[in-house]
Amino acid sequence: EMLNRLLKDNVAQILVLEVLNRVPRQHRTHASSICVVNTHLYSAANCPDVKLWQCNHLVAELEQLAVGHISGRDLPLMICGDFNSLPG
């Protein structure tokens, strides 16, 4: 029952953008990659736990991707989307 409550059809798109140039990675002096994420969290006002779980799950996946990236550096992250939450 609890798993059915948490598993909704919401998604996140994750894209890693990398600058292509002729300088080898080990000689670059600045970050040449960025991870851009777009998500849409569950919108039911009576289910804040579902939004929290979805956000937590997304961040855990992003940590695995971005921390210690194959480039040898942590990837900068830009997380965008509809979080279906009020500012505050």
PDB file of N, CA and C in Angstrom:
ATOM      1  N   GLU A   1       0.823  -1.202   0.000  1.00  0.00           N
ATOM      2  CA  GLU A   1       0.000   0.000   0.000  1.00  0.00           C
ATOM      3  C   GLU A   1       0.861   1.257   0.000  1.00  0.00           C
ATOM      4  N   MET A   2       1.882   1.294   0.878  1.00  0.00           N
ATOM      5  CA  MET A   2       2.739   2.472   0.964  1.00  0.00           C
ATOM      6  C   MET A   2       3.520   2.682  -0.328  1.00  0.00           C
ATOM      7  N   LEU A   3       4.022   1.612  -0.919  1.00  0.00           N
ATOM      8  CA  LEU A   3       4.767   1.735  -2.167  1.00  0.00           C
ATOM      9  C   LEU A   3       3.872   2.276  -3.281  1.00  0.00           C
ATOM     10  N   ASN A   4       2.626   1.827  -3.346  1.00  0.00           N
ATOM     11  CA  ASN A   4       1.689   2.355  -4.345  1.00  0.00           C
ATOM     12  C   ASN A   4       1.446   3.839  -4.136  1.00  0.00           C
ATOM     13  N   ARG A   5       1.449   4.268  -2.889  1.00  0.00           N
ATOM     14  CA  ARG A   5       1.251   5.688  -2.588  1.00  0.00           C
ATOM     15  C   ARG A   5       2.431   6.523  -3.103  1.00  0.00           C
ATOM     16  N   LEU A   6       3.629   5.992  -2.993  1.00  0.00           N
ATOM     17  CA  LEU A   6       4.824   6.746  -3.377  1.00  0.00           C
ATOM     18  C   LEU A   6       5.114   6.724  -4.867  1.00  0.00           C
ATOM     19  N   LEU A   7       4.823   5.627  -5.516  1.00  0.00           N
ATOM     20  CA  LEU A   7       5.167   5.481  -6.932  1.00  0.00           C
ATOM     21  C   LEU A   7       4.102   6.119  -7.814  1.00  0.00           C
ATOM     22  N   LYS A   8       4.420   7.273  -8.325  1.00  0.00           N
ATOM     23  CA  LYS A   8       3.521   8.016  -9.216  1.00  0.00           C
ATOM     24  C   LYS A   8       4.186   8.100 -10.585  1.00  0.00           C
ATOM     25  N   ASP A   9       3.484   8.643 -11.555  1.00  0.00           N
ATOM     26  CA  ASP A   9       4.010   8.739 -12.918  1.00  0.00           C
ATOM     27  C   ASP A   9       4.783  10.032 -13.171  1.00  0.00           C
ATOM     28  N   ASN A  10       5.365  10.606 -12.141  1.00  0.00           N
ATOM     29  CA  ASN A  10       6.148  11.816 -12.308  1.00  0.00           C
ATOM     30  C   ASN A  10       7.541  11.454 -12.793  1.00  0.00           C
ATOM     31  N   VAL A  11       8.164  12.392 -13.466  1.00  0.00           N
ATOM     32  CA  VAL A  11       9.445  12.100 -14.098  1.00  0.00           C
ATOM     33  C   VAL A  11      10.458  13.199 -13.803  1.00  0.00           C
ATOM     34  N   ALA A  12      11.703  12.890 -14.135  1.00  0.00           N
ATOM     35  CA  ALA A  12      12.779  13.878 -14.149  1.00  0.00           C
ATOM     36  C   ALA A  12      13.623  13.582 -15.387  1.00  0.00           C
ATOM     37  N   GLN A  13      13.995  14.641 -16.066  1.00  0.00           N
ATOM     38  CA  GLN A  13      14.920  14.509 -17.191  1.00  0.00           C
ATOM     39  C   GLN A  13      16.277  15.002 -16.701  1.00  0.00           C
ATOM     40  N   ILE A  14      17.297  14.220 -16.981  1.00  0.00           N
ATOM     41  CA  ILE A  14      18.653  14.549 -16.544  1.00  0.00           C
ATOM     42  C   ILE A  14      19.535  14.603 -17.787  1.00  0.00           C
ATOM     43  N   LEU A  15      20.231  15.720 -17.925  1.00  0.00           N
ATOM     44  CA  LEU A  15      21.061  15.944 -19.103  1.00  0.00           C
ATOM     45  C   LEU A  15      22.424  16.441 -18.659  1.00  0.00           C
ATOM     46  N   VAL A  16      23.480  15.815 -19.135  1.00  0.00           N
ATOM     47  CA  VAL A  16      24.830  16.300 -18.866  1.00  0.00           C
ATOM     48  C   VAL A  16      25.333  16.968 -20.134  1.00  0.00           C
ATOM     49  N   LEU A  17      25.632  18.259 -20.002  1.00  0.00           N
ATOM     50  CA  LEU A  17      26.150  19.040 -21.120  1.00  0.00           C
ATOM     51  C   LEU A  17      27.653  19.206 -20.947  1.00  0.00           C
ATOM     52  N   GLU A  18      28.381  19.028 -22.023  1.00  0.00           N
ATOM     53  CA  GLU A  18      29.834  19.144 -21.963  1.00  0.00           C
ATOM     54  C   GLU A  18      30.323  20.002 -23.113  1.00  0.00           C
ATOM     55  N   VAL A  19      31.229  20.920 -22.788  1.00  0.00           N
ATOM     56  CA  VAL A  19      31.854  21.748 -23.809  1.00  0.00           C
ATOM     57  C   VAL A  19      32.865  20.878 -24.553  1.00  0.00           C
ATOM     58  N   LEU A  20      32.761  20.887 -25.852  1.00  0.00           N
ATOM     59  CA  LEU A  20      33.718  20.131 -26.662  1.00  0.00           C
ATOM     60  C   LEU A  20      34.786  21.098 -27.171  1.00  0.00           C
ATOM     61  N   ASN A  21      36.026  20.827 -26.831  1.00  0.00           N
ATOM     62  CA  ASN A  21      37.135  21.618 -27.358  1.00  0.00           C
ATOM     63  C   ASN A  21      38.347  20.720 -27.498  1.00  0.00           C
ATOM     64  N   ARG A  22      39.404  21.277 -27.987  1.00  0.00           N
ATOM     65  CA  ARG A  22      40.587  20.476 -28.282  1.00  0.00           C
ATOM     66  C   ARG A  22      41.570  20.361 -27.110  1.00  0.00           C
ATOM     67  N   VAL A  23      41.278  20.999 -26.000  1.00  0.00           N
ATOM     68  CA  VAL A  23      42.165  20.935 -24.835  1.00  0.00           C
ATOM     69  C   VAL A  23      41.840  19.661 -24.056  1.00  0.00           C
ATOM     70  N   PRO A  24      42.822  18.809 -23.778  1.00  0.00           N
ATOM     71  CA  PRO A  24      42.558  17.578 -23.017  1.00  0.00           C
ATOM     72  C   PRO A  24      41.978  17.900 -21.640  1.00  0.00           C
ATOM     73  N   ARG A  25      41.121  17.033 -21.142  1.00  0.00           N
ATOM     74  CA  ARG A  25      40.445  17.258 -19.859  1.00  0.00           C
ATOM     75  C   ARG A  25      41.404  17.579 -18.722  1.00  0.00           C
ATOM     76  N   GLN A  26      42.519  16.875 -18.660  1.00  0.00           N
ATOM     77  CA  GLN A  26      43.435  17.081 -17.534  1.00  0.00           C
ATOM     78  C   GLN A  26      44.090  18.458 -17.554  1.00  0.00           C
ATOM     79  N   HIS A  27      44.033  19.187 -18.678  1.00  0.00           N
ATOM     80  CA  HIS A  27      44.639  20.507 -18.775  1.00  0.00           C
ATOM     81  C   HIS A  27      43.626  21.643 -18.713  1.00  0.00           C
ATOM     82  N   ARG A  28      42.356  21.327 -18.561  1.00  0.00           N
ATOM     83  CA  ARG A  28      41.337  22.372 -18.479  1.00  0.00           C
ATOM     84  C   ARG A  28      41.373  23.020 -17.097  1.00  0.00           C
ATOM     85  N   THR A  29      41.157  24.321 -17.060  1.00  0.00           N
ATOM     86  CA  THR A  29      41.229  25.057 -15.802  1.00  0.00           C
ATOM     87  C   THR A  29      39.860  25.393 -15.233  1.00  0.00           C
ATOM     88  N   HIS A  30      38.794  25.061 -15.918  1.00  0.00           N
ATOM     89  CA  HIS A  30      37.453  25.354 -15.427  1.00  0.00           C
ATOM     90  C   HIS A  30      36.532  24.179 -15.763  1.00  0.00           C
ATOM     91  N   ALA A  31      35.400  24.164 -15.109  1.00  0.00           N
ATOM     92  CA  ALA A  31      34.441  23.089 -15.353  1.00  0.00           C
ATOM     93  C   ALA A  31      33.968  23.141 -16.795  1.00  0.00           C
ATOM     94  N   SER A  32      33.947  22.013 -17.441  1.00  0.00           N
ATOM     95  CA  SER A  32      33.505  21.983 -18.829  1.00  0.00           C
ATOM     96  C   SER A  32      32.218  21.179 -18.991  1.00  0.00           C
ATOM     97  N   SER A  33      31.633  20.773 -17.868  1.00  0.00           N
ATOM     98  CA  SER A  33      30.386  20.017 -17.903  1.00  0.00           C
ATOM     99  C   SER A  33      29.434  20.576 -16.850  1.00  0.00           C
ATOM    100  N   ILE A  34      28.156  20.401 -17.104  1.00  0.00           N
ATOM    101  CA  ILE A  34      27.128  20.768 -16.129  1.00  0.00           C
ATOM    102  C   ILE A  34      25.979  19.777 -16.275  1.00  0.00           C
ATOM    103  N   CYS A  35      25.360  19.446 -15.181  1.00  0.00           N
ATOM    104  CA  CYS A  35      24.207  18.559 -15.184  1.00  0.00           C
ATOM    105  C   CYS A  35      22.958  19.419 -14.993  1.00  0.00           C
ATOM    106  N   VAL A  36      22.057  19.365 -15.961  1.00  0.00           N
ATOM    107  CA  VAL A  36      20.808  20.118 -15.915  1.00  0.00           C
ATOM    108  C   VAL A  36      19.670  19.129 -15.709  1.00  0.00           C
ATOM    109  N   VAL A  37      18.841  19.402 -14.716  1.00  0.00           N
ATOM    110  CA  VAL A  37      17.757  18.490 -14.348  1.00  0.00           C
ATOM    111  C   VAL A  37      16.440  19.246 -14.384  1.00  0.00           C
ATOM    112  N   ASN A  38      15.425  18.623 -14.933  1.00  0.00           N
ATOM    113  CA  ASN A  38      14.078  19.176 -14.927  1.00  0.00           C
ATOM    114  C   ASN A  38      13.141  18.109 -14.359  1.00  0.00           C
ATOM    115  N   THR A  39      12.287  18.520 -13.437  1.00  0.00           N
ATOM    116  CA  THR A  39      11.386  17.559 -12.827  1.00  0.00           C
ATOM    117  C   THR A  39       9.994  18.148 -12.649  1.00  0.00           C
ATOM    118  N   HIS A  40       9.054  17.289 -12.430  1.00  0.00           N
ATOM    119  CA  HIS A  40       7.687  17.689 -12.083  1.00  0.00           C
ATOM    120  C   HIS A  40       7.231  16.755 -10.982  1.00  0.00           C
ATOM    121  N   LEU A  41       7.141  17.306  -9.759  1.00  0.00           N
ATOM    122  CA  LEU A  41       6.764  16.484  -8.616  1.00  0.00           C
ATOM    123  C   LEU A  41       5.250  16.364  -8.512  1.00  0.00           C
ATOM    124  N   TYR A  42       4.820  15.360  -7.792  1.00  0.00           N
ATOM    125  CA  TYR A  42       3.407  15.076  -7.579  1.00  0.00           C
ATOM    126  C   TYR A  42       2.707  16.298  -6.985  1.00  0.00           C
ATOM    127  N   SER A  43       1.477  16.565  -7.421  1.00  0.00           N
ATOM    128  CA  SER A  43       0.836  17.834  -7.070  1.00  0.00           C
ATOM    129  C   SER A  43      -0.288  17.758  -6.045  1.00  0.00           C
ATOM    130  N   ALA A  44      -0.609  16.606  -5.520  1.00  0.00           N
ATOM    131  CA  ALA A  44      -1.722  16.513  -4.567  1.00  0.00           C
ATOM    132  C   ALA A  44      -1.347  17.194  -3.254  1.00  0.00           C
ATOM    133  N   ALA A  45      -2.137  18.186  -2.860  1.00  0.00           N
ATOM    134  CA  ALA A  45      -1.849  18.956  -1.647  1.00  0.00           C
ATOM    135  C   ALA A  45      -1.902  18.094  -0.390  1.00  0.00           C
ATOM    136  N   ASN A  46      -2.665  17.041  -0.420  1.00  0.00           N
ATOM    137  CA  ASN A  46      -2.795  16.179   0.765  1.00  0.00           C
ATOM    138  C   ASN A  46      -1.715  15.093   0.830  1.00  0.00           C
ATOM    139  N   CYS A  47      -0.717  15.161  -0.062  1.00  0.00           N
ATOM    140  CA  CYS A  47       0.348  14.151  -0.086  1.00  0.00           C
ATOM    141  C   CYS A  47       1.740  14.789  -0.057  1.00  0.00           C
ATOM    142  N   PRO A  48       2.036  15.628   0.928  1.00  0.00           N
ATOM    143  CA  PRO A  48       3.371  16.242   0.952  1.00  0.00           C
ATOM    144  C   PRO A  48       4.484  15.211   1.135  1.00  0.00           C
ATOM    145  N   ASP A  49       4.165  14.070   1.736  1.00  0.00           N
ATOM    146  CA  ASP A  49       5.161  13.020   1.914  1.00  0.00           C
ATOM    147  C   ASP A  49       5.602  12.439   0.580  1.00  0.00           C
ATOM    148  N   VAL A  50       4.699  12.391  -0.392  1.00  0.00           N
ATOM    149  CA  VAL A  50       5.045  11.863  -1.711  1.00  0.00           C
ATOM    150  C   VAL A  50       6.020  12.809  -2.409  1.00  0.00           C
ATOM    151  N   LYS A  51       5.743  14.116  -2.342  1.00  0.00           N
ATOM    152  CA  LYS A  51       6.655  15.107  -2.941  1.00  0.00           C
ATOM    153  C   LYS A  51       8.030  15.034  -2.279  1.00  0.00           C
ATOM    154  N   LEU A  52       8.040  14.913  -0.965  1.00  0.00           N
ATOM    155  CA  LEU A  52       9.301  14.833  -0.239  1.00  0.00           C
ATOM    156  C   LEU A  52      10.077  13.584  -0.636  1.00  0.00           C
ATOM    157  N   TRP A  53       9.386  12.449  -0.734  1.00  0.00           N
ATOM    158  CA  TRP A  53      10.040  11.204  -1.135  1.00  0.00           C
ATOM    159  C   TRP A  53      10.589  11.310  -2.552  1.00  0.00           C
ATOM    160  N   GLN A  54       9.797  11.881  -3.477  1.00  0.00           N
ATOM    161  CA  GLN A  54      10.258  12.033  -4.859  1.00  0.00           C
ATOM    162  C   GLN A  54      11.495  12.925  -4.935  1.00  0.00           C
ATOM    163  N   CYS A  55      11.488  14.020  -4.194  1.00  0.00           N
ATOM    164  CA  CYS A  55      12.625  14.932  -4.186  1.00  0.00           C
ATOM    165  C   CYS A  55      13.859  14.261  -3.583  1.00  0.00           C
ATOM    166  N   ASN A  56      13.680  13.550  -2.495  1.00  0.00           N
ATOM    167  CA  ASN A  56      14.774  12.839  -1.858  1.00  0.00           C
ATOM    168  C   ASN A  56      15.367  11.776  -2.792  1.00  0.00           C
ATOM    169  N   HIS A  57      14.507  11.042  -3.459  1.00  0.00           N
ATOM    170  CA  HIS A  57      14.951  10.007  -4.394  1.00  0.00           C
ATOM    171  C   HIS A  57      15.725  10.632  -5.559  1.00  0.00           C
ATOM    172  N   LEU A  58      15.237  11.754  -6.081  1.00  0.00           N
ATOM    173  CA  LEU A  58      15.918  12.450  -7.176  1.00  0.00           C
ATOM    174  C   LEU A  58      17.296  12.926  -6.733  1.00  0.00           C
ATOM    175  N   VAL A  59      17.381  13.548  -5.571  1.00  0.00           N
ATOM    176  CA  VAL A  59      18.664  14.053  -5.084  1.00  0.00           C
ATOM    177  C   VAL A  59      19.649  12.910  -4.851  1.00  0.00           C
ATOM    178  N   ALA A  60      19.187  11.790  -4.343  1.00  0.00           N
ATOM    179  CA  ALA A  60      20.066  10.633  -4.138  1.00  0.00           C
ATOM    180  C   ALA A  60      20.634  10.129  -5.461  1.00  0.00           C
ATOM    181  N   GLU A  61      19.802  10.075  -6.487  1.00  0.00           N
ATOM    182  CA  GLU A  61      20.268   9.651  -7.812  1.00  0.00           C
ATOM    183  C   GLU A  61      21.255  10.660  -8.389  1.00  0.00           C
ATOM    184  N   LEU A  62      20.972  11.942  -8.201  1.00  0.00           N
ATOM    185  CA  LEU A  62      21.862  12.983  -8.716  1.00  0.00           C
ATOM    186  C   LEU A  62      23.211  12.964  -8.015  1.00  0.00           C
ATOM    187  N   GLU A  63      23.224  12.671  -6.729  1.00  0.00           N
ATOM    188  CA  GLU A  63      24.495  12.574  -6.005  1.00  0.00           C
ATOM    189  C   GLU A  63      25.372  11.479  -6.597  1.00  0.00           C
ATOM    190  N   GLN A  64      24.767  10.361  -6.923  1.00  0.00           N
ATOM    191  CA  GLN A  64      25.537   9.266  -7.526  1.00  0.00           C
ATOM    192  C   GLN A  64      26.108   9.673  -8.878  1.00  0.00           C
ATOM    193  N   LEU A  65      25.348  10.450  -9.629  1.00  0.00           N
ATOM    194  CA  LEU A  65      25.788  10.880 -10.956  1.00  0.00           C
ATOM    195  C   LEU A  65      26.837  11.981 -10.869  1.00  0.00           C
ATOM    196  N   ALA A  66      26.601  12.972 -10.031  1.00  0.00           N
ATOM    197  CA  ALA A  66      27.394  14.192 -10.062  1.00  0.00           C
ATOM    198  C   ALA A  66      28.658  14.149  -9.201  1.00  0.00           C
ATOM    199  N   VAL A  67      28.605  13.448  -8.070  1.00  0.00           N
ATOM    200  CA  VAL A  67      29.762  13.428  -7.176  1.00  0.00           C
ATOM    201  C   VAL A  67      30.767  12.408  -7.694  1.00  0.00           C
ATOM    202  N   GLY A  68      31.987  12.874  -7.964  1.00  0.00           N
ATOM    203  CA  GLY A  68      33.011  11.987  -8.498  1.00  0.00           C
ATOM    204  C   GLY A  68      32.702  11.537  -9.912  1.00  0.00           C
ATOM    205  N   HIS A  69      32.166  12.440 -10.705  1.00  0.00           N
ATOM    206  CA  HIS A  69      31.817  12.166 -12.099  1.00  0.00           C
ATOM    207  C   HIS A  69      33.026  11.619 -12.848  1.00  0.00           C
ATOM    208  N   ILE A  70      32.801  10.976 -13.961  1.00  0.00           N
ATOM    209  CA  ILE A  70      33.893  10.367 -14.737  1.00  0.00           C
ATOM    210  C   ILE A  70      34.946  11.382 -15.160  1.00  0.00           C
ATOM    211  N   SER A  71      34.598  12.668 -15.120  1.00  0.00           N
ATOM    212  CA  SER A  71      35.571  13.703 -15.461  1.00  0.00           C
ATOM    213  C   SER A  71      36.619  13.858 -14.358  1.00  0.00           C
ATOM    214  N   GLY A  72      36.392  13.211 -13.193  1.00  0.00           N
ATOM    215  CA  GLY A  72      37.306  13.348 -12.075  1.00  0.00           C
ATOM    216  C   GLY A  72      36.938  14.494 -11.154  1.00  0.00           C
ATOM    217  N   ARG A  73      35.907  15.244 -11.512  1.00  0.00           N
ATOM    218  CA  ARG A  73      35.442  16.367 -10.691  1.00  0.00           C
ATOM    219  C   ARG A  73      33.955  16.218 -10.437  1.00  0.00           C
ATOM    220  N   ASP A  74      33.509  16.886  -9.410  1.00  0.00           N
ATOM    221  CA  ASP A  74      32.067  16.916  -9.154  1.00  0.00           C
ATOM    222  C   ASP A  74      31.403  17.779 -10.213  1.00  0.00           C
ATOM    223  N   LEU A  75      30.260  17.323 -10.710  1.00  0.00           N
ATOM    224  CA  LEU A  75      29.520  18.087 -11.709  1.00  0.00           C
ATOM    225  C   LEU A  75      28.693  19.177 -11.038  1.00  0.00           C
ATOM    226  N   PRO A  76      28.724  20.392 -11.567  1.00  0.00           N
ATOM    227  CA  PRO A  76      27.771  21.386 -11.084  1.00  0.00           C
ATOM    228  C   PRO A  76      26.357  20.956 -11.486  1.00  0.00           C
ATOM    229  N   LEU A  77      25.383  21.239 -10.626  1.00  0.00           N
ATOM    230  CA  LEU A  77      23.994  20.852 -10.880  1.00  0.00           C
ATOM    231  C   LEU A  77      23.106  22.083 -10.990  1.00  0.00           C
ATOM    232  N   MET A  78      22.175  22.039 -11.924  1.00  0.00           N
ATOM    233  CA  MET A  78      21.109  23.024 -12.003  1.00  0.00           C
ATOM    234  C   MET A  78      19.814  22.239 -12.009  1.00  0.00           C
ATOM    235  N   ILE A  79      19.035  22.375 -10.926  1.00  0.00           N
ATOM    236  CA  ILE A  79      17.791  21.623 -10.792  1.00  0.00           C
ATOM    237  C   ILE A  79      16.627  22.592 -10.997  1.00  0.00           C
ATOM    238  N   CYS A  80      15.816  22.307 -12.003  1.00  0.00           N
ATOM    239  CA  CYS A  80      14.676  23.142 -12.357  1.00  0.00           C
ATOM    240  C   CYS A  80      13.407  22.296 -12.299  1.00  0.00           C
ATOM    241  N   GLY A  81      12.263  22.957 -12.298  1.00  0.00           N
ATOM    242  CA  GLY A  81      11.044  22.190 -12.414  1.00  0.00           C
ATOM    243  C   GLY A  81       9.882  22.764 -11.638  1.00  0.00           C
ATOM    244  N   ASP A  82       8.823  21.993 -11.650  1.00  0.00           N
ATOM    245  CA  ASP A  82       7.609  22.330 -10.925  1.00  0.00           C
ATOM    246  C   ASP A  82       7.594  21.458  -9.677  1.00  0.00           C
ATOM    247  N   PHE A  83       7.905  22.063  -8.538  1.00  0.00           N
ATOM    248  CA  PHE A  83       7.971  21.322  -7.287  1.00  0.00           C
ATOM    249  C   PHE A  83       6.632  21.291  -6.558  1.00  0.00           C
ATOM    250  N   ASN A  84       5.640  21.952  -7.141  1.00  0.00           N
ATOM    251  CA  ASN A  84       4.292  21.966  -6.574  1.00  0.00           C
ATOM    252  C   ASN A  84       4.296  22.285  -5.087  1.00  0.00           C
ATOM    253  N   SER A  85       5.063  23.316  -4.725  1.00  0.00           N
ATOM    254  CA  SER A  85       5.148  23.759  -3.338  1.00  0.00           C
ATOM    255  C   SER A  85       5.036  25.263  -3.285  1.00  0.00           C
ATOM    256  N   LEU A  86       4.554  25.744  -2.177  1.00  0.00           N
ATOM    257  CA  LEU A  86       4.482  27.193  -1.972  1.00  0.00           C
ATOM    258  C   LEU A  86       5.816  27.695  -1.452  1.00  0.00           C
ATOM    259  N   PRO A  87       6.211  28.904  -1.850  1.00  0.00           N
ATOM    260  CA  PRO A  87       7.454  29.458  -1.293  1.00  0.00           C
ATOM    261  C   PRO A  87       7.301  29.655   0.205  1.00  0.00           C
ATOM    262  N   GLY A  88       8.408  29.552   0.893  1.00  0.00           N
ATOM    263  CA  GLY A  88       8.308  29.803   2.318  1.00  0.00           C
ATOM    264  C   GLY A  88       9.382  29.300   3.125  1.00  0.00           C
TER     265      GLY A  88
END
